[in-house]
Amino acid sequence: MKKKIIIGVGILVVILIIVVMNVKFKGKAIEVKAEKVKKGEIKSIVSAPGRVSPKNDVNISSDIMGKLIKLNVREGDKVKRGDVISELDRTREEAAVEVARSSLLSAKASYEMKSTSFERTKKLYEKLLISKEEFEVGKTDFRMAELTVEERQANLKNALENLNKTIIKSPINGVVTRLNVEEGETVVTGTMNNPGTVLMVLSDLSQMEIECEVDESDIVDLEIEQFAEINVDAFGDTIFEGHVVEISNAGRTSGMGTQEEVTNFKVKVAFDKTDSRLRPGMSSSVDIISSRRDSVLKVPIQCVIERGEEEEKKTGIFVVVDGKAHFREVKTGISSETEIEIKEGVEEEEMVVSGPYSVLSKLEDGDDVKTKKPSRKKGKGKKGKDEEEKSGKSSGGRRKKVKIGG
């Protein structure tokens, strides 16, 4: 009996403590950051690193093997279509031309003799003074002489073409962006197993583009002609405008079989207006506008959270009404780096909880809250950065834009 009394007293003490604590802390609201639901434009962006490259790059190789005796350009030189940029030793080719010419002259002389002989044979045959067999022999000799002339003409033409190939001309208007040889080197032609000697690379710098690698999860959002903003590291805050001109159909996988395995797709973005200071190989980053919405409801991206078990997980926002936070399920749309579209669930001007993450992650429906507006000061400080890292969301602050193009 005594034991039961002690247990009962203990239970009463615990209940009393709970009641006292509830009374003590009743009305103590949780301090949260809150923002109004706004209406405006929102842009979904696919970002990717890349490098500047010319739209048109030409590898200059030789069609014949030979010694390079003259190099008329240096790296960085401008060239025009038809300019002689290098020359090979012509000794062998000139000798081949002379041999071909001599052979052709000899064949033509033989042809003239065979032609005269055949005309005589034909007249004798018509007068029935020789047999058909003798006529056919004369005809065959004439035809063989004729074919020999044609063959020697083809040989001379080929020899002249090879002679012309010792003079290498520029096929485009452009700039020598890479020079791989020096005078005195022997250049070789390409084969099935050997690409041959690439003397130099000519680039048309009047049309530049960015070659970038886009993650497979983003590639489905991209289309040809989508608008893009290009930032070239060497140009600081300057933003160039461009558009998507090519999307690869096949991805490239790196780190196969490891935790670092990724699949990227090559995407090309052309500059709408180029700059003469752009150089191939410059590091850059590209923001491609994959979708855009006007006059839609939007909130800071960190406002949207998930609640519930895995199978019944709900996406929603905590709306502040009369000092209480109420979890409200919402339907989302596109998102930018900092904001997300809300299609259903909230109204314009309603106050929603935006942070801090440490509070938002533990907030429950019906909790008393005290709101304060988020800081608008420049710079986040260490605490702000830590909270963003924990939430997995970034404010996506952008550098000042000085736009070029349009």
Protein backbone atom coordinates (compact mmCIF):
# COMPACT_ATOMS: atom_id res chain seq x y z
CA MET A 1 0.00 0.00 0.00
CA LYS A 2 2.80 2.35 0.96
CA LYS A 3 4.56 1.56 -2.33
CA LYS A 4 1.45 2.46 -4.34
CA ILE A 5 1.20 5.78 -2.50
CA ILE A 6 4.82 6.63 -3.33
CA ILE A 7 4.26 5.79 -7.02
CA GLY A 8 1.10 7.92 -7.10
CA VAL A 9 2.89 10.86 -5.50
CA GLY A 10 5.70 10.53 -8.06
CA ILE A 11 3.25 10.60 -10.96
CA LEU A 12 1.58 13.70 -9.54
CA VAL A 13 4.94 15.43 -9.19
CA VAL A 14 5.80 14.72 -12.86
CA ILE A 15 2.40 15.99 -14.00
CA LEU A 16 2.86 19.09 -11.86
CA ILE A 17 6.27 19.78 -13.38
CA ILE A 18 4.86 19.44 -16.90
CA VAL A 19 1.99 21.79 -16.08
CA VAL A 20 4.38 24.35 -14.55
CA MET A 21 6.67 24.18 -17.58
CA ASN A 22 3.74 24.62 -19.97
CA VAL A 23 2.51 27.61 -18.00
CA LYS A 24 6.01 29.08 -17.83
CA PHE A 25 6.70 28.78 -21.52
CA LYS A 26 3.18 29.25 -22.79
CA GLY A 27 3.14 31.97 -25.39
CA LYS A 28 6.89 31.89 -25.97
CA ALA A 29 7.00 32.07 -29.76
CA ILE A 30 9.74 30.69 -32.00
CA GLU A 31 11.55 33.44 -33.87
CA VAL A 32 11.52 32.87 -37.64
CA LYS A 33 12.31 34.76 -40.80
CA ALA A 34 9.33 35.35 -43.04
CA GLU A 35 8.67 36.80 -46.47
CA LYS A 36 5.61 37.65 -48.49
CA VAL A 37 4.48 35.56 -51.44
CA LYS A 38 5.22 37.70 -54.47
CA LYS A 39 4.10 37.75 -58.08
CA GLY A 40 6.64 38.26 -60.84
CA GLU A 41 8.98 36.71 -63.37
CA ILE A 42 10.95 33.55 -62.69
CA LYS A 43 13.60 31.93 -64.86
CA SER A 44 14.83 28.36 -64.70
CA ILE A 45 18.53 28.24 -65.48
CA VAL A 46 20.86 25.41 -66.50
CA SER A 47 24.45 26.35 -65.66
CA ALA A 48 27.55 24.72 -67.07
CA PRO A 49 31.29 25.41 -67.33
CA GLY A 50 32.84 25.67 -70.76
CA ARG A 51 35.59 27.08 -72.96
CA VAL A 52 35.64 29.55 -75.81
CA SER A 53 36.23 27.99 -79.21
CA PRO A 54 35.95 29.14 -82.84
CA LYS A 55 32.93 27.92 -84.77
CA ASN A 56 35.25 26.97 -87.61
CA ASP A 57 38.63 25.30 -86.89
CA VAL A 58 40.69 23.89 -89.78
CA ASN A 59 43.61 21.48 -89.39
CA ILE A 60 46.15 22.14 -92.13
CA SER A 61 47.89 19.00 -93.38
CA SER A 62 49.90 18.12 -96.48
CA ASP A 63 48.54 15.86 -99.21
CA ILE A 64 52.05 14.70 -100.08
CA MET A 65 55.15 13.74 -98.13
CA GLY A 66 58.05 16.17 -98.27
CA LYS A 67 60.48 18.49 -96.56
CA LEU A 68 59.10 21.81 -95.32
CA ILE A 69 61.36 24.47 -96.84
CA LYS A 70 59.31 27.60 -96.22
CA LEU A 71 56.91 28.64 -93.46
CA ASN A 72 55.26 31.97 -94.21
CA VAL A 73 53.26 32.43 -90.99
CA ARG A 74 53.71 32.51 -87.26
CA GLU A 75 51.26 31.73 -84.49
CA GLY A 76 48.80 34.60 -84.18
CA ASP A 77 49.15 35.78 -87.78
CA LYS A 78 46.02 36.65 -89.74
CA VAL A 79 45.57 34.93 -93.10
CA LYS A 80 43.17 35.24 -96.01
CA ARG A 81 41.71 32.53 -98.20
CA GLY A 82 44.28 31.66 -100.87
CA ASP A 83 47.34 32.99 -99.02
CA VAL A 84 50.44 30.78 -99.40
CA ILE A 85 51.19 29.69 -95.83
CA SER A 86 53.93 27.09 -96.42
CA GLU A 87 55.94 25.35 -99.15
CA LEU A 88 57.50 21.90 -99.52
CA ASP A 89 60.63 20.92 -101.43
CA ARG A 90 59.59 20.62 -105.12
CA THR A 91 62.64 18.74 -106.47
CA ARG A 92 61.02 15.31 -106.61
CA GLU A 93 57.72 16.59 -107.97
CA GLU A 94 59.38 18.74 -110.66
CA ALA A 95 61.40 15.70 -111.82
CA ALA A 96 58.21 13.62 -111.90
CA VAL A 97 56.55 16.26 -114.09
CA GLU A 98 59.46 16.20 -116.57
CA VAL A 99 59.36 12.40 -116.76
CA ALA A 100 55.59 12.48 -117.32
CA ARG A 101 55.93 15.08 -120.07
CA SER A 102 58.63 13.08 -121.85
CA SER A 103 56.54 9.93 -121.62
CA LEU A 104 53.54 11.78 -123.04
CA LEU A 105 55.56 13.14 -125.97
CA SER A 106 56.85 9.65 -126.72
CA ALA A 107 53.33 8.21 -126.54
CA LYS A 108 51.99 10.92 -128.84
CA ALA A 109 54.74 10.22 -131.41
CA SER A 110 53.91 6.51 -131.29
CA TYR A 111 50.23 7.34 -131.63
CA GLU A 112 50.85 9.42 -134.75
CA MET A 113 52.78 6.55 -136.33
CA LYS A 114 50.10 4.00 -135.40
CA SER A 115 47.38 6.33 -136.64
CA THR A 116 49.04 6.76 -140.05
CA SER A 117 49.69 3.03 -140.29
CA PHE A 118 46.08 2.21 -139.39
CA GLU A 119 44.70 4.61 -142.00
CA ARG A 120 46.80 2.84 -144.64
CA THR A 121 45.71 -0.58 -143.37
CA LYS A 122 42.07 0.48 -143.42
CA LYS A 123 42.28 1.57 -147.08
CA LEU A 124 43.98 -1.68 -148.06
CA TYR A 125 41.29 -3.66 -146.26
CA GLU A 126 38.53 -1.71 -147.99
CA LYS A 127 40.12 -2.65 -151.34
CA LEU A 128 40.29 -6.28 -150.15
CA LEU A 129 44.09 -6.25 -150.51
CA ILE A 130 44.65 -7.54 -146.94
CA SER A 131 42.86 -10.04 -144.75
CA LYS A 132 40.52 -9.18 -141.92
CA GLU A 133 43.06 -10.54 -139.42
CA GLU A 134 45.69 -8.06 -140.64
CA PHE A 135 43.13 -5.24 -140.40
CA GLU A 136 42.24 -6.21 -136.80
CA VAL A 137 45.93 -6.28 -135.79
CA GLY A 138 46.40 -2.76 -137.20
CA LYS A 139 43.23 -1.56 -135.44
CA THR A 140 44.39 -3.03 -132.10
CA ASP A 141 47.82 -1.41 -132.39
CA PHE A 142 46.17 1.96 -133.06
CA ARG A 143 43.79 1.58 -130.12
CA MET A 144 46.65 0.62 -127.76
CA ALA A 145 48.61 3.70 -128.85
CA GLU A 146 45.52 5.84 -128.20
CA LEU A 147 45.08 4.38 -124.68
CA THR A 148 48.77 4.89 -123.95
CA VAL A 149 48.43 8.60 -124.76
CA GLU A 150 45.44 8.88 -122.42
CA GLU A 151 47.37 7.10 -119.66
CA ARG A 152 50.42 9.37 -120.08
CA GLN A 153 48.15 12.44 -120.02
CA ALA A 154 46.67 11.24 -116.72
CA ASN A 155 50.18 10.67 -115.34
CA LEU A 156 51.19 14.20 -116.28
CA LYS A 157 48.04 15.63 -114.72
CA ASN A 158 48.74 13.73 -111.49
CA ALA A 159 52.38 14.88 -111.47
CA LEU A 160 51.30 18.51 -111.94
CA GLU A 161 48.75 18.17 -109.12
CA ASN A 162 51.45 16.83 -106.79
CA LEU A 163 53.69 19.73 -107.81
CA ASN A 164 50.90 22.16 -106.93
CA LYS A 165 50.46 20.41 -103.57
CA THR A 166 53.94 21.55 -102.55
CA ILE A 167 52.37 25.00 -102.24
CA ILE A 168 49.99 24.98 -99.24
CA LYS A 169 47.36 27.73 -99.20
CA SER A 170 44.89 28.88 -96.57
CA PRO A 171 41.34 27.59 -97.21
CA ILE A 172 39.73 30.25 -94.98
CA ASN A 173 40.02 33.78 -93.66
CA GLY A 174 41.27 33.37 -90.13
CA VAL A 175 44.10 33.33 -87.62
CA VAL A 176 46.91 30.84 -87.02
CA THR A 177 45.93 29.60 -83.55
CA ARG A 178 48.43 26.74 -83.36
CA LEU A 179 51.69 26.09 -85.21
CA ASN A 180 53.09 22.56 -84.93
CA VAL A 181 56.08 22.53 -87.32
CA GLU A 182 59.27 24.34 -88.20
CA GLU A 183 61.17 24.79 -91.44
CA GLY A 184 63.31 21.76 -92.27
CA GLU A 185 60.93 19.18 -90.83
CA THR A 186 59.60 16.34 -92.96
CA VAL A 187 55.82 16.18 -93.12
CA VAL A 188 53.94 12.97 -93.81
CA THR A 189 50.48 12.26 -95.15
CA GLY A 190 47.81 10.53 -93.13
CA THR A 191 46.96 6.85 -93.38
CA MET A 192 44.37 4.60 -91.79
CA ASN A 193 46.60 4.10 -88.73
CA ASN A 194 48.48 7.40 -88.81
CA PRO A 195 46.77 10.80 -88.84
CA GLY A 196 49.77 12.40 -90.52
CA THR A 197 51.37 15.75 -89.78
CA VAL A 198 49.09 18.63 -88.81
CA LEU A 199 51.17 21.65 -89.78
CA MET A 200 48.96 24.22 -88.10
CA VAL A 201 45.42 25.08 -87.04
CA LEU A 202 43.58 28.01 -88.63
CA SER A 203 40.57 29.46 -86.82
CA ASP A 204 37.86 31.82 -87.94
CA LEU A 205 37.64 34.11 -84.91
CA SER A 206 34.79 36.14 -86.39
CA GLN A 207 32.34 33.51 -85.15
CA MET A 208 32.95 32.24 -81.63
CA GLU A 209 31.04 29.83 -79.41
CA ILE A 210 31.23 28.08 -76.06
CA GLU A 211 31.63 24.33 -75.80
CA CYS A 212 30.23 23.25 -72.45
CA GLU A 213 29.40 20.04 -70.62
CA VAL A 214 25.83 19.74 -69.29
CA ASP A 215 24.82 17.12 -66.74
CA GLU A 216 22.44 14.41 -67.94
CA SER A 217 19.81 15.50 -65.41
CA ASP A 218 19.59 18.94 -67.06
CA ILE A 219 19.97 18.05 -70.73
CA VAL A 220 16.25 17.19 -71.15
CA ASP A 221 15.39 20.84 -70.40
CA LEU A 222 17.49 22.26 -73.23
CA GLU A 223 16.44 23.12 -76.77
CA ILE A 224 18.07 24.74 -79.79
CA GLU A 225 17.81 28.57 -79.85
CA GLN A 226 17.32 28.93 -76.08
CA PHE A 227 18.75 32.20 -74.76
CA ALA A 228 21.98 32.07 -72.75
CA GLU A 229 24.16 34.40 -70.72
CA ILE A 230 27.91 33.83 -71.05
CA ASN A 231 30.53 34.93 -68.55
CA VAL A 232 34.15 34.66 -69.72
CA ASP A 233 36.49 34.64 -66.72
CA ALA A 234 38.99 36.99 -68.36
CA PHE A 235 36.28 39.65 -68.86
CA GLY A 236 35.25 39.93 -65.22
CA ASP A 237 31.62 41.00 -64.78
CA THR A 238 30.91 41.38 -68.49
CA ILE A 239 28.00 39.22 -69.62
CA PHE A 240 27.75 38.18 -73.27
CA GLU A 241 24.44 37.11 -74.76
CA GLY A 242 24.10 34.01 -76.90
CA HIS A 243 21.89 31.09 -77.86
CA VAL A 244 22.09 27.31 -78.00
CA VAL A 245 23.14 26.08 -81.45
CA GLU A 246 24.00 22.41 -80.88
CA ILE A 247 23.04 19.68 -78.39
CA SER A 248 24.83 16.35 -78.51
CA ASN A 249 22.66 13.25 -78.86
CA ALA A 250 25.17 11.01 -77.09
CA GLY A 251 26.55 11.49 -73.60
CA ARG A 252 30.11 10.97 -72.45
CA THR A 253 30.64 9.08 -69.20
CA SER A 254 33.68 9.59 -66.99
CA GLY A 255 34.67 7.76 -63.81
CA MET A 256 32.86 4.62 -64.97
CA GLY A 257 32.24 2.20 -62.09
CA THR A 258 33.28 4.68 -59.38
CA GLN A 259 31.43 7.01 -57.04
CA GLU A 260 32.56 9.88 -59.27
CA GLU A 261 30.81 8.45 -62.35
CA VAL A 262 29.06 11.21 -64.28
CA THR A 263 27.50 11.49 -67.72
CA ASN A 264 27.64 14.82 -69.52
CA PHE A 265 26.39 16.02 -72.89
CA LYS A 266 28.27 18.48 -75.08
CA VAL A 267 26.34 21.66 -75.79
CA LYS A 268 27.44 24.55 -78.00
CA VAL A 269 26.34 28.13 -77.34
CA ALA A 270 27.05 30.77 -79.99
CA PHE A 271 27.80 34.41 -79.14
CA ASP A 272 25.17 36.78 -80.52
CA LYS A 273 27.86 39.43 -80.74
CA THR A 274 31.52 38.49 -80.55
CA ASP A 275 34.48 40.47 -79.22
CA SER A 276 37.86 40.69 -80.92
CA ARG A 277 39.55 40.04 -77.56
CA LEU A 278 38.03 36.58 -77.22
CA ARG A 279 40.59 33.80 -77.55
CA PRO A 280 40.14 30.05 -78.04
CA GLY A 281 40.51 28.14 -74.78
CA MET A 282 39.33 30.90 -72.43
CA SER A 283 37.48 29.57 -69.38
CA SER A 284 33.82 30.51 -69.13
CA SER A 285 30.48 29.67 -67.58
CA VAL A 286 27.10 29.60 -69.28
CA ASP A 287 23.61 30.16 -67.88
CA ILE A 288 21.00 28.81 -70.30
CA ILE A 289 17.42 29.98 -69.73
CA SER A 290 15.58 26.67 -70.06
CA SER A 291 12.18 28.14 -69.16
CA ARG A 292 10.64 31.44 -68.14
CA ARG A 293 7.34 32.39 -66.48
CA ASP A 294 5.82 35.86 -66.13
CA SER A 295 3.43 37.05 -63.41
CA VAL A 296 3.55 33.88 -61.32
CA LEU A 297 3.50 33.42 -57.56
CA LYS A 298 6.97 32.76 -56.18
CA VAL A 299 8.77 32.34 -52.87
CA PRO A 300 12.39 31.89 -51.80
CA ILE A 301 13.41 28.35 -52.67
CA GLN A 302 14.31 27.50 -49.06
CA CYS A 303 10.68 28.02 -48.01
CA VAL A 304 9.57 24.79 -49.68
CA ILE A 305 10.12 21.72 -47.51
CA GLU A 306 8.92 18.13 -47.27
CA ARG A 307 7.04 16.57 -44.38
CA GLY A 308 5.78 13.07 -43.65
CA GLU A 309 6.96 9.52 -44.15
CA GLU A 310 8.63 8.42 -47.36
CA GLU A 311 5.47 6.96 -48.92
CA GLU A 312 3.25 9.86 -47.81
CA LYS A 313 5.75 12.69 -48.11
CA LYS A 314 4.16 16.06 -48.83
CA THR A 315 5.69 19.20 -50.29
CA GLY A 316 4.59 22.36 -48.59
CA ILE A 317 5.21 25.73 -46.97
CA PHE A 318 4.69 27.10 -43.48
CA VAL A 319 2.25 30.01 -43.74
CA VAL A 320 2.13 32.45 -40.83
CA VAL A 321 -1.43 33.28 -39.71
CA ASP A 322 -2.16 35.11 -36.44
CA GLY A 323 1.23 34.27 -34.97
CA LYS A 324 1.07 30.59 -35.78
CA ALA A 325 2.87 28.55 -38.44
CA HIS A 326 0.54 26.35 -40.46
CA PHE A 327 1.94 23.73 -42.83
CA ARG A 328 0.19 24.01 -46.15
CA GLU A 329 0.68 21.59 -49.04
CA VAL A 330 1.62 23.31 -52.31
CA LYS A 331 2.15 22.50 -55.97
CA THR A 332 5.42 23.84 -57.34
CA GLY A 333 6.56 24.79 -60.84
CA ILE A 334 9.89 25.90 -62.24
CA SER A 335 12.69 27.25 -60.07
CA SER A 336 15.60 29.63 -60.41
CA GLU A 337 18.74 29.67 -58.30
CA THR A 338 16.93 31.54 -55.52
CA GLU A 339 13.16 31.29 -56.09
CA ILE A 340 10.53 28.69 -56.92
CA GLU A 341 7.14 29.00 -58.59
CA ILE A 342 4.06 28.12 -56.52
CA LYS A 343 1.15 26.98 -58.69
CA GLU A 344 -1.31 26.09 -55.92
CA GLY A 345 -1.57 26.40 -52.16
CA VAL A 346 -0.86 30.04 -51.29
CA GLU A 347 -2.06 33.51 -52.20
CA GLU A 348 -0.13 36.64 -53.06
CA GLU A 349 1.01 38.71 -50.04
CA GLU A 350 0.66 35.80 -47.59
CA MET A 351 3.57 35.53 -45.15
CA VAL A 352 5.64 32.34 -45.36
CA VAL A 353 8.50 31.09 -43.20
CA SER A 354 11.85 31.33 -45.00
CA GLY A 355 14.29 30.41 -42.24
CA PRO A 356 16.55 29.99 -40.50
CA TYR A 357 17.04 26.41 -41.64
CA SER A 358 17.83 25.18 -38.12
CA VAL A 359 14.34 26.31 -37.04
CA LEU A 360 12.46 25.54 -40.25
CA SER A 361 13.66 21.93 -40.27
CA LYS A 362 12.05 21.32 -36.84
CA LEU A 363 9.01 23.56 -37.13
CA GLU A 364 5.65 21.85 -36.57
CA ASP A 365 2.16 22.72 -37.73
CA GLY A 366 0.53 25.07 -35.23
CA ASP A 367 3.74 26.28 -33.54
CA ASP A 368 3.67 29.82 -32.20
CA VAL A 369 6.08 31.99 -34.18
CA LYS A 370 7.46 35.48 -34.09
CA THR A 371 8.42 36.81 -37.50
CA LYS A 372 11.24 39.06 -38.55
CA LYS A 373 12.19 40.15 -42.03
CA PRO A 374 15.30 38.52 -43.56
CA SER A 375 18.47 40.60 -43.55
CA ARG A 376 19.13 42.41 -46.83
CA LYS A 377 22.71 43.34 -46.03
CA LYS A 378 25.42 42.59 -48.53
CA GLY A 379 27.42 39.51 -47.69
CA LYS A 380 26.03 36.57 -45.83
CA GLY A 381 28.64 36.02 -43.18
CA LYS A 382 29.69 32.60 -41.98
CA LYS A 383 26.39 31.81 -40.31
CA GLY A 384 24.35 32.50 -43.44
CA LYS A 385 26.64 30.37 -45.54
CA ASP A 386 26.46 27.50 -43.05
CA GLU A 387 22.67 27.58 -43.12
CA GLU A 388 22.61 27.47 -46.91
CA GLU A 389 25.01 24.57 -46.94
CA LYS A 390 22.81 22.66 -44.48
CA SER A 391 19.66 23.30 -46.47
CA GLY A 392 21.27 22.31 -49.73
CA LYS A 393 20.01 25.58 -51.24
CA SER A 394 22.08 28.46 -52.50
CA SER A 395 21.04 32.05 -52.87
CA GLY A 396 22.68 31.91 -56.26
CA GLY A 397 23.85 35.52 -56.02
CA ARG A 398 25.10 36.74 -59.37
CA ARG A 399 27.80 39.25 -60.19
CA LYS A 400 26.88 42.61 -61.60
CA LYS A 401 26.05 42.24 -65.29
CA VAL A 402 27.44 44.46 -67.99
CA LYS A 403 25.60 43.09 -71.01
CA ILE A 404 27.07 42.86 -74.49
CA GLY A 405 25.05 41.80 -77.50
CA GLY A 406 21.41 41.67 -77.88
